[in-house]
Amino acid sequence: MIGFTYKRRTYAPMVIESIGEPLSSPIESNGFYTEILIPMTLCSLTAHDKDDMRRFMTPT
């Protein structure tokens, strides 16, 4: 389980559902990535109602 703050909004509790590795990222001659963007899918543990969404949309 994780929680994170993004643009002054806190999202918690969340779980990491998947972490990807793009195969098309640029590499150097040794085969190491020169840069890479890692896609990550997060999911909540519970359903959210309108009060939860209001809390998410209010900056802390």
C-alpha atoms as a PDB file:
ATOM      1  CA  MET A   1       0.000   0.000   0.000  1.00  0.00           C
ATOM      2  CA  ILE A   2       1.173   3.503  -0.773  1.00  0.00           C
ATOM      3  CA  GLY A   3      -0.013   7.072  -0.520  1.00  0.00           C
ATOM      4  CA  PHE A   4       1.296  10.030  -2.467  1.00  0.00           C
ATOM      5  CA  THR A   5       0.804  13.759  -2.821  1.00  0.00           C
ATOM      6  CA  TYR A   6       0.586  15.241  -6.322  1.00  0.00           C
ATOM      7  CA  LYS A   7      -0.200  18.894  -7.031  1.00  0.00           C
ATOM      8  CA  ARG A   8      -1.075  19.460  -3.352  1.00  0.00           C
ATOM      9  CA  ARG A   9      -3.604  16.584  -3.364  1.00  0.00           C
ATOM     10  CA  THR A  10      -3.017  13.433  -1.296  1.00  0.00           C
ATOM     11  CA  TYR A  11      -4.141  10.068  -2.608  1.00  0.00           C
ATOM     12  CA  ALA A  12      -4.189   7.170  -0.124  1.00  0.00           C
ATOM     13  CA  PRO A  13      -4.454   4.277   0.379  1.00  0.00           C
ATOM     14  CA  MET A  14      -3.500   2.985  -3.045  1.00  0.00           C
ATOM     15  CA  VAL A  15      -1.971  -0.250  -4.295  1.00  0.00           C
ATOM     16  CA  ILE A  16       0.437  -0.721  -7.187  1.00  0.00           C
ATOM     17  CA  GLU A  17      -1.329  -2.867  -9.746  1.00  0.00           C
ATOM     18  CA  SER A  18       1.422  -3.000 -12.371  1.00  0.00           C
ATOM     19  CA  ILE A  19       4.759  -1.458 -13.326  1.00  0.00           C
ATOM     20  CA  GLY A  20       5.822  -1.584 -16.959  1.00  0.00           C
ATOM     21  CA  GLU A  21       9.101  -1.423 -18.833  1.00  0.00           C
ATOM     22  CA  PRO A  22       8.864   0.139 -22.291  1.00  0.00           C
ATOM     23  CA  LEU A  23      11.060  -1.755 -24.726  1.00  0.00           C
ATOM     24  CA  SER A  24      11.371   1.190 -27.112  1.00  0.00           C
ATOM     25  CA  SER A  25      13.320   3.460 -24.715  1.00  0.00           C
ATOM     26  CA  PRO A  26      16.736   4.648 -25.988  1.00  0.00           C
ATOM     27  CA  ILE A  27      19.817   2.688 -24.898  1.00  0.00           C
ATOM     28  CA  GLU A  28      23.576   3.241 -25.057  1.00  0.00           C
ATOM     29  CA  SER A  29      26.116   0.928 -26.699  1.00  0.00           C
ATOM     30  CA  ASN A  30      26.369  -1.202 -23.513  1.00  0.00           C
ATOM     31  CA  GLY A  31      22.602  -1.810 -23.508  1.00  0.00           C
ATOM     32  CA  PHE A  32      21.787   0.425 -20.536  1.00  0.00           C
ATOM     33  CA  TYR A  33      18.868   2.858 -20.815  1.00  0.00           C
ATOM     34  CA  THR A  34      19.866   6.480 -21.384  1.00  0.00           C
ATOM     35  CA  GLU A  35      16.400   7.585 -20.253  1.00  0.00           C
ATOM     36  CA  ILE A  36      13.192   5.750 -19.489  1.00  0.00           C
ATOM     37  CA  LEU A  37       9.649   6.611 -18.453  1.00  0.00           C
ATOM     38  CA  ILE A  38       8.152   3.920 -16.252  1.00  0.00           C
ATOM     39  CA  PRO A  39       4.358   3.546 -16.510  1.00  0.00           C
ATOM     40  CA  MET A  40       2.691   2.564 -13.236  1.00  0.00           C
ATOM     41  CA  THR A  41      -0.956   1.683 -12.658  1.00  0.00           C
ATOM     42  CA  LEU A  42      -2.400   2.493  -9.227  1.00  0.00           C
ATOM     43  CA  CYS A  43      -5.767   1.417  -7.837  1.00  0.00           C
ATOM     44  CA  SER A  44      -7.690   2.328  -4.725  1.00  0.00           C
ATOM     45  CA  LEU A  45      -8.663  -0.313  -2.196  1.00  0.00           C
ATOM     46  CA  THR A  46     -12.222   0.934  -1.895  1.00  0.00           C
ATOM     47  CA  ALA A  47     -14.928   2.521  -3.995  1.00  0.00           C
ATOM     48  CA  HIS A  48     -15.141   6.312  -3.794  1.00  0.00           C
ATOM     49  CA  ASP A  49     -18.307   8.319  -3.299  1.00  0.00           C
ATOM     50  CA  LYS A  50     -18.902  12.031  -3.908  1.00  0.00           C
ATOM     51  CA  ASP A  51     -17.526  13.016  -0.477  1.00  0.00           C
ATOM     52  CA  ASP A  52     -14.297  11.128  -1.174  1.00  0.00           C
ATOM     53  CA  MET A  53     -13.948  12.789  -4.561  1.00  0.00           C
ATOM     54  CA  ARG A  54     -14.553  16.222  -3.016  1.00  0.00           C
ATOM     55  CA  ARG A  55     -11.719  15.496  -0.554  1.00  0.00           C
ATOM     56  CA  PHE A  56      -9.419  14.427  -3.414  1.00  0.00           C
ATOM     57  CA  MET A  57     -10.136  17.582  -5.388  1.00  0.00           C
ATOM     58  CA  THR A  58      -9.477  19.933  -2.472  1.00  0.00           C
ATOM     59  CA  PRO A  59      -5.786  20.954  -2.239  1.00  0.00           C
ATOM     60  CA  THR A  60      -4.164  20.345   1.161  1.00  0.00           C
END
